Amino acid sequence: MREFLERAQAAVGDDGRLVPGSMASWDVFPFETAGLRVRSLEEYAVPEPDRTRTPESCGTCRALVTDDLLLHTGERLGVVRPSGCNLVFVANVVSRSHESLDDLDDEGHAEMGRLIGRTYRAMKSLEGVGNVHVNKWENGGGHLSVTLLARPEGVLQLRGSNLTVWADMLPATPREELDARAELVRAALAR
């Protein structure tokens, strides 16, 4: 797909950068556009560097064996939460072994769909949740993780695909709040 990068490079302005896209005009965009600069495009990198972690260095593998972070285990998948977050609640539907989405068969995909739906419902039922966003990035670490992020009710600026950008800038949610919500999600998933 070298053509993709070449097409993008041909669209840069005099300063060698792309202009901010239409997202910069969205009312949920987290930054003022005055002075905003897009980073320069990087060089084409094929083959891509291996970013796979070993199970010993994988945070998801560690979460799966940490009682307070483990919310549910199924046949092949589980639900974990990060030790902290800056939103109402965050959970991850993950493979129980160190494998990626590419490694799941049809039965694994069906289990994943059901578990995403159940986790979504459990999180959406939490008091103060306006919506739950579902994302899968899996940036080469080697462990399947579908992230569910609970957006606080009434905080409309956090809607949409910039939720994770906002979350990175928000203050940490108190641990005791996250622990209480984790118990509610754990109970809902046990039903």
C-alpha atoms as a PDB file:
ATOM      1  CA  MET A   1       0.000   0.000   0.000  1.00  0.00           C
ATOM      2  CA  ARG A   2       2.855   2.338  -0.710  1.00  0.00           C
ATOM      3  CA  GLU A   3       0.436   4.172  -3.031  1.00  0.00           C
ATOM      4  CA  PHE A   4      -1.656   5.143  -0.014  1.00  0.00           C
ATOM      5  CA  LEU A   5       1.284   6.934   1.639  1.00  0.00           C
ATOM      6  CA  GLU A   6       2.384   8.501  -1.648  1.00  0.00           C
ATOM      7  CA  ARG A   7      -1.131   9.881  -2.199  1.00  0.00           C
ATOM      8  CA  ALA A   8      -1.113  11.333   1.320  1.00  0.00           C
ATOM      9  CA  GLN A   9       2.352  12.833   0.839  1.00  0.00           C
ATOM     10  CA  ALA A  10       1.194  14.478  -2.409  1.00  0.00           C
ATOM     11  CA  ALA A  11      -1.587  16.244  -0.462  1.00  0.00           C
ATOM     12  CA  VAL A  12       0.678  18.048   2.025  1.00  0.00           C
ATOM     13  CA  GLY A  13       0.826  21.841   2.057  1.00  0.00           C
ATOM     14  CA  ASP A  14       3.825  24.125   1.643  1.00  0.00           C
ATOM     15  CA  ASP A  15       4.902  23.349   5.210  1.00  0.00           C
ATOM     16  CA  GLY A  16       5.087  19.613   4.422  1.00  0.00           C
ATOM     17  CA  ARG A  17       2.061  18.781   6.573  1.00  0.00           C
ATOM     18  CA  LEU A  18      -1.527  17.747   5.942  1.00  0.00           C
ATOM     19  CA  VAL A  19      -4.213  20.202   6.998  1.00  0.00           C
ATOM     20  CA  PRO A  20      -6.449  19.202   9.922  1.00  0.00           C
ATOM     21  CA  GLY A  21      -9.418  17.237   8.630  1.00  0.00           C
ATOM     22  CA  SER A  22     -13.113  17.824   9.163  1.00  0.00           C
ATOM     23  CA  MET A  23     -12.904  16.300  12.645  1.00  0.00           C
ATOM     24  CA  ALA A  24     -11.272  19.541  13.824  1.00  0.00           C
ATOM     25  CA  SER A  25     -14.603  21.327  13.251  1.00  0.00           C
ATOM     26  CA  TRP A  26     -16.679  18.839  15.264  1.00  0.00           C
ATOM     27  CA  ASP A  27     -18.172  20.230  18.466  1.00  0.00           C
ATOM     28  CA  VAL A  28     -16.634  17.296  20.376  1.00  0.00           C
ATOM     29  CA  PHE A  29     -13.091  17.929  19.076  1.00  0.00           C
ATOM     30  CA  PRO A  30     -10.989  18.387  22.229  1.00  0.00           C
ATOM     31  CA  PHE A  31      -8.618  21.089  20.948  1.00  0.00           C
ATOM     32  CA  GLU A  32      -8.911  24.644  19.691  1.00  0.00           C
ATOM     33  CA  THR A  33      -7.932  24.668  16.032  1.00  0.00           C
ATOM     34  CA  ALA A  34      -5.968  27.943  16.062  1.00  0.00           C
ATOM     35  CA  GLY A  35      -2.313  26.957  15.867  1.00  0.00           C
ATOM     36  CA  LEU A  36      -3.088  23.255  15.576  1.00  0.00           C
ATOM     37  CA  ARG A  37      -0.506  21.472  13.427  1.00  0.00           C
ATOM     38  CA  VAL A  38      -0.659  17.978  12.013  1.00  0.00           C
ATOM     39  CA  ARG A  39       2.469  15.914  12.552  1.00  0.00           C
ATOM     40  CA  SER A  40       4.546  15.146   9.485  1.00  0.00           C
ATOM     41  CA  LEU A  41       3.940  11.801   7.829  1.00  0.00           C
ATOM     42  CA  GLU A  42       6.496   9.136   8.650  1.00  0.00           C
ATOM     43  CA  GLU A  43       8.283   6.999   6.088  1.00  0.00           C
ATOM     44  CA  TYR A  44       6.792   3.796   4.718  1.00  0.00           C
ATOM     45  CA  ALA A  45       7.745   0.862   6.981  1.00  0.00           C
ATOM     46  CA  VAL A  46       7.280  -2.564   5.389  1.00  0.00           C
ATOM     47  CA  PRO A  47       7.875  -4.974   6.833  1.00  0.00           C
ATOM     48  CA  GLU A  48       6.387  -3.434   9.937  1.00  0.00           C
ATOM     49  CA  PRO A  49       8.486  -3.858  13.065  1.00  0.00           C
ATOM     50  CA  ASP A  50       7.425  -6.648  15.389  1.00  0.00           C
ATOM     51  CA  ARG A  51       5.696  -5.123  18.418  1.00  0.00           C
ATOM     52  CA  THR A  52       4.486  -8.409  19.889  1.00  0.00           C
ATOM     53  CA  ARG A  53       5.041  -8.727  23.611  1.00  0.00           C
ATOM     54  CA  THR A  54       5.776 -11.966  25.372  1.00  0.00           C
ATOM     55  CA  PRO A  55       3.112 -13.247  27.764  1.00  0.00           C
ATOM     56  CA  GLU A  56       5.479 -12.357  30.634  1.00  0.00           C
ATOM     57  CA  SER A  57       5.586  -8.682  29.566  1.00  0.00           C
ATOM     58  CA  CYS A  58       1.902  -8.436  28.619  1.00  0.00           C
ATOM     59  CA  GLY A  59      -0.310  -6.297  30.859  1.00  0.00           C
ATOM     60  CA  THR A  60      -3.417  -8.174  29.701  1.00  0.00           C
ATOM     61  CA  CYS A  61      -1.905 -11.526  30.723  1.00  0.00           C
ATOM     62  CA  ARG A  62      -1.114 -10.028  34.148  1.00  0.00           C
ATOM     63  CA  ALA A  63      -4.660  -8.638  34.509  1.00  0.00           C
ATOM     64  CA  LEU A  64      -6.133 -12.078  33.809  1.00  0.00           C
ATOM     65  CA  VAL A  65      -4.466 -13.448  36.960  1.00  0.00           C
ATOM     66  CA  THR A  66      -5.189 -10.423  39.181  1.00  0.00           C
ATOM     67  CA  ASP A  67      -8.395 -11.045  41.120  1.00  0.00           C
ATOM     68  CA  ASP A  68      -9.566  -7.440  41.449  1.00  0.00           C
ATOM     69  CA  LEU A  69      -8.959  -6.761  37.730  1.00  0.00           C
ATOM     70  CA  LEU A  70     -10.624  -9.953  36.453  1.00  0.00           C
ATOM     71  CA  LEU A  71     -14.361  -9.413  35.982  1.00  0.00           C
ATOM     72  CA  HIS A  72     -15.415 -12.581  34.149  1.00  0.00           C
ATOM     73  CA  THR A  73     -14.021 -15.691  32.511  1.00  0.00           C
ATOM     74  CA  GLY A  74     -15.650 -17.581  29.702  1.00  0.00           C
ATOM     75  CA  GLU A  75     -14.517 -20.614  27.749  1.00  0.00           C
ATOM     76  CA  ARG A  76     -11.926 -18.820  25.638  1.00  0.00           C
ATOM     77  CA  LEU A  77     -12.363 -15.144  26.541  1.00  0.00           C
ATOM     78  CA  GLY A  78     -12.549 -13.060  29.659  1.00  0.00           C
ATOM     79  CA  VAL A  79     -13.299  -9.519  30.809  1.00  0.00           C
ATOM     80  CA  VAL A  80     -10.719  -7.476  32.674  1.00  0.00           C
ATOM     81  CA  ARG A  81     -10.447  -3.866  33.728  1.00  0.00           C
ATOM     82  CA  PRO A  82      -7.413  -1.620  33.972  1.00  0.00           C
ATOM     83  CA  SER A  83      -6.118  -0.861  37.453  1.00  0.00           C
ATOM     84  CA  GLY A  84      -7.132   2.756  36.944  1.00  0.00           C
ATOM     85  CA  CYS A  85      -8.819   5.011  34.407  1.00  0.00           C
ATOM     86  CA  ASN A  86     -10.052   8.547  33.917  1.00  0.00           C
ATOM     87  CA  LEU A  87     -13.591   7.678  32.834  1.00  0.00           C
ATOM     88  CA  VAL A  88     -16.662   6.306  34.633  1.00  0.00           C
ATOM     89  CA  PHE A  89     -15.476   2.760  33.855  1.00  0.00           C
ATOM     90  CA  VAL A  90     -13.409   0.854  31.295  1.00  0.00           C
ATOM     91  CA  ALA A  91     -13.401  -2.883  30.600  1.00  0.00           C
ATOM     92  CA  ASN A  92     -11.652  -5.071  28.054  1.00  0.00           C
ATOM     93  CA  VAL A  93     -12.955  -8.255  26.465  1.00  0.00           C
ATOM     94  CA  VAL A  94      -9.769 -10.281  26.012  1.00  0.00           C
ATOM     95  CA  SER A  95      -8.581 -13.704  24.994  1.00  0.00           C
ATOM     96  CA  ARG A  96      -7.682 -15.844  28.026  1.00  0.00           C
ATOM     97  CA  SER A  97      -4.485 -16.960  26.321  1.00  0.00           C
ATOM     98  CA  HIS A  98      -1.930 -14.734  24.632  1.00  0.00           C
ATOM     99  CA  GLU A  99      -3.490 -14.713  21.162  1.00  0.00           C
ATOM    100  CA  SER A 100      -4.835 -12.140  18.721  1.00  0.00           C
ATOM    101  CA  LEU A 101      -8.121 -11.771  16.879  1.00  0.00           C
ATOM    102  CA  ASP A 102      -6.503 -13.530  13.924  1.00  0.00           C
ATOM    103  CA  ASP A 103      -6.171 -16.645  16.109  1.00  0.00           C
ATOM    104  CA  LEU A 104      -9.877 -16.968  16.971  1.00  0.00           C
ATOM    105  CA  ASP A 105     -12.053 -19.402  15.063  1.00  0.00           C
ATOM    106  CA  ASP A 106     -15.778 -18.937  14.371  1.00  0.00           C
ATOM    107  CA  GLU A 107     -16.743 -20.186  17.837  1.00  0.00           C
ATOM    108  CA  GLY A 108     -14.296 -17.734  19.409  1.00  0.00           C
ATOM    109  CA  HIS A 109     -15.785 -14.922  17.323  1.00  0.00           C
ATOM    110  CA  ALA A 110     -19.300 -15.882  18.453  1.00  0.00           C
ATOM    111  CA  GLU A 111     -18.205 -15.946  22.106  1.00  0.00           C
ATOM    112  CA  MET A 112     -16.535 -12.563  21.629  1.00  0.00           C
ATOM    113  CA  GLY A 113     -19.713 -11.033  20.184  1.00  0.00           C
ATOM    114  CA  ARG A 114     -21.845 -12.335  23.048  1.00  0.00           C
ATOM    115  CA  LEU A 115     -19.337 -11.187  25.670  1.00  0.00           C
ATOM    116  CA  ILE A 116     -19.008  -7.712  24.140  1.00  0.00           C
ATOM    117  CA  GLY A 117     -22.811  -7.413  24.181  1.00  0.00           C
ATOM    118  CA  ARG A 118     -23.115  -8.584  27.785  1.00  0.00           C
ATOM    119  CA  THR A 119     -20.292  -6.300  28.955  1.00  0.00           C
ATOM    120  CA  TYR A 120     -21.834  -3.382  27.067  1.00  0.00           C
ATOM    121  CA  ARG A 121     -25.201  -3.945  28.792  1.00  0.00           C
ATOM    122  CA  ALA A 122     -23.555  -4.302  32.212  1.00  0.00           C
ATOM    123  CA  MET A 123     -21.618  -1.060  31.795  1.00  0.00           C
ATOM    124  CA  LYS A 124     -24.546   0.839  30.258  1.00  0.00           C
ATOM    125  CA  SER A 125     -26.642  -0.031  33.330  1.00  0.00           C
ATOM    126  CA  LEU A 126     -24.154   1.668  35.689  1.00  0.00           C
ATOM    127  CA  GLU A 127     -25.460   4.856  37.267  1.00  0.00           C
ATOM    128  CA  GLY A 128     -24.099   7.942  35.528  1.00  0.00           C
ATOM    129  CA  VAL A 129     -23.233   6.290  32.200  1.00  0.00           C
ATOM    130  CA  GLY A 130     -24.455   8.127  29.099  1.00  0.00           C
ATOM    131  CA  ASN A 131     -23.087   5.685  26.538  1.00  0.00           C
ATOM    132  CA  VAL A 132     -20.530   2.913  26.111  1.00  0.00           C
ATOM    133  CA  HIS A 133     -18.065   3.040  23.225  1.00  0.00           C
ATOM    134  CA  VAL A 134     -16.630  -0.215  21.834  1.00  0.00           C
ATOM    135  CA  ASN A 135     -13.177  -0.203  20.219  1.00  0.00           C
ATOM    136  CA  LYS A 136     -10.594  -2.699  19.025  1.00  0.00           C
ATOM    137  CA  TRP A 137      -7.123  -1.370  18.348  1.00  0.00           C
ATOM    138  CA  GLU A 138      -4.800  -4.334  19.073  1.00  0.00           C
ATOM    139  CA  ASN A 139      -1.676  -2.524  17.953  1.00  0.00           C
ATOM    140  CA  GLY A 140       0.584  -5.514  17.659  1.00  0.00           C
ATOM    141  CA  GLY A 141       1.018  -6.514  21.308  1.00  0.00           C
ATOM    142  CA  GLY A 142      -0.191 -10.013  20.460  1.00  0.00           C
ATOM    143  CA  HIS A 143      -3.153 -10.116  22.843  1.00  0.00           C
ATOM    144  CA  LEU A 144      -6.758  -9.646  21.699  1.00  0.00           C
ATOM    145  CA  SER A 145      -8.404  -6.771  23.537  1.00  0.00           C
ATOM    146  CA  VAL A 146     -11.711  -5.100  22.717  1.00  0.00           C
ATOM    147  CA  THR A 147     -12.039  -1.988  24.869  1.00  0.00           C
ATOM    148  CA  LEU A 148     -15.358  -0.722  26.212  1.00  0.00           C
ATOM    149  CA  LEU A 149     -15.330   2.843  27.542  1.00  0.00           C
ATOM    150  CA  ALA A 150     -18.169   4.302  29.604  1.00  0.00           C
ATOM    151  CA  ARG A 151     -18.854   7.948  28.802  1.00  0.00           C
ATOM    152  CA  PRO A 152     -20.264   9.944  31.696  1.00  0.00           C
ATOM    153  CA  GLU A 153     -23.906  10.914  31.319  1.00  0.00           C
ATOM    154  CA  GLY A 154     -24.482  14.540  30.384  1.00  0.00           C
ATOM    155  CA  VAL A 155     -20.858  15.240  29.404  1.00  0.00           C
ATOM    156  CA  LEU A 156     -21.597  15.646  25.713  1.00  0.00           C
ATOM    157  CA  GLN A 157     -18.145  16.959  24.804  1.00  0.00           C
ATOM    158  CA  LEU A 158     -16.826  13.435  25.348  1.00  0.00           C
ATOM    159  CA  ARG A 159     -19.081  11.902  22.670  1.00  0.00           C
ATOM    160  CA  GLY A 160     -17.612  10.006  19.766  1.00  0.00           C
ATOM    161  CA  SER A 161     -14.195   8.954  18.615  1.00  0.00           C
ATOM    162  CA  ASN A 162     -12.317  11.591  20.626  1.00  0.00           C
ATOM    163  CA  LEU A 163     -13.380  10.002  23.933  1.00  0.00           C
ATOM    164  CA  THR A 164      -9.981   8.369  24.384  1.00  0.00           C
ATOM    165  CA  VAL A 165      -8.197  11.658  23.720  1.00  0.00           C
ATOM    166  CA  TRP A 166     -10.326  13.377  26.344  1.00  0.00           C
ATOM    167  CA  ALA A 167      -9.831  10.459  28.746  1.00  0.00           C
ATOM    168  CA  ASP A 168      -6.076  10.854  28.522  1.00  0.00           C
ATOM    169  CA  MET A 169      -6.385  14.445  29.792  1.00  0.00           C
ATOM    170  CA  LEU A 170      -9.029  13.966  32.510  1.00  0.00           C
ATOM    171  CA  PRO A 171      -8.127  13.428  36.169  1.00  0.00           C
ATOM    172  CA  ALA A 172      -8.063   9.875  37.508  1.00  0.00           C
ATOM    173  CA  THR A 173     -11.351   8.425  38.707  1.00  0.00           C
ATOM    174  CA  PRO A 174     -11.067   7.511  42.418  1.00  0.00           C
ATOM    175  CA  ARG A 175     -10.162   3.864  42.912  1.00  0.00           C
ATOM    176  CA  GLU A 176     -13.064   3.226  45.312  1.00  0.00           C
ATOM    177  CA  GLU A 177     -15.559   4.369  42.647  1.00  0.00           C
ATOM    178  CA  LEU A 178     -13.987   2.058  40.065  1.00  0.00           C
ATOM    179  CA  ASP A 179     -13.943  -0.846  42.532  1.00  0.00           C
ATOM    180  CA  ALA A 180     -17.649  -0.370  43.340  1.00  0.00           C
ATOM    181  CA  ARG A 181     -18.555  -0.273  39.647  1.00  0.00           C
ATOM    182  CA  ALA A 182     -16.370  -3.330  39.010  1.00  0.00           C
ATOM    183  CA  GLU A 183     -18.439  -5.303  41.517  1.00  0.00           C
ATOM    184  CA  LEU A 184     -21.647  -4.328  39.715  1.00  0.00           C
ATOM    185  CA  VAL A 185     -20.231  -5.305  36.312  1.00  0.00           C
ATOM    186  CA  ARG A 186     -18.824  -8.560  37.743  1.00  0.00           C
ATOM    187  CA  ALA A 187     -22.246  -9.439  39.209  1.00  0.00           C
ATOM    188  CA  ALA A 188     -24.038  -8.643  35.940  1.00  0.00           C
ATOM    189  CA  LEU A 189     -21.610 -10.827  33.968  1.00  0.00           C
ATOM    190  CA  ALA A 190     -22.055 -13.715  36.423  1.00  0.00           C
ATOM    191  CA  ARG A 191     -25.799 -13.920  35.679  1.00  0.00           C
END
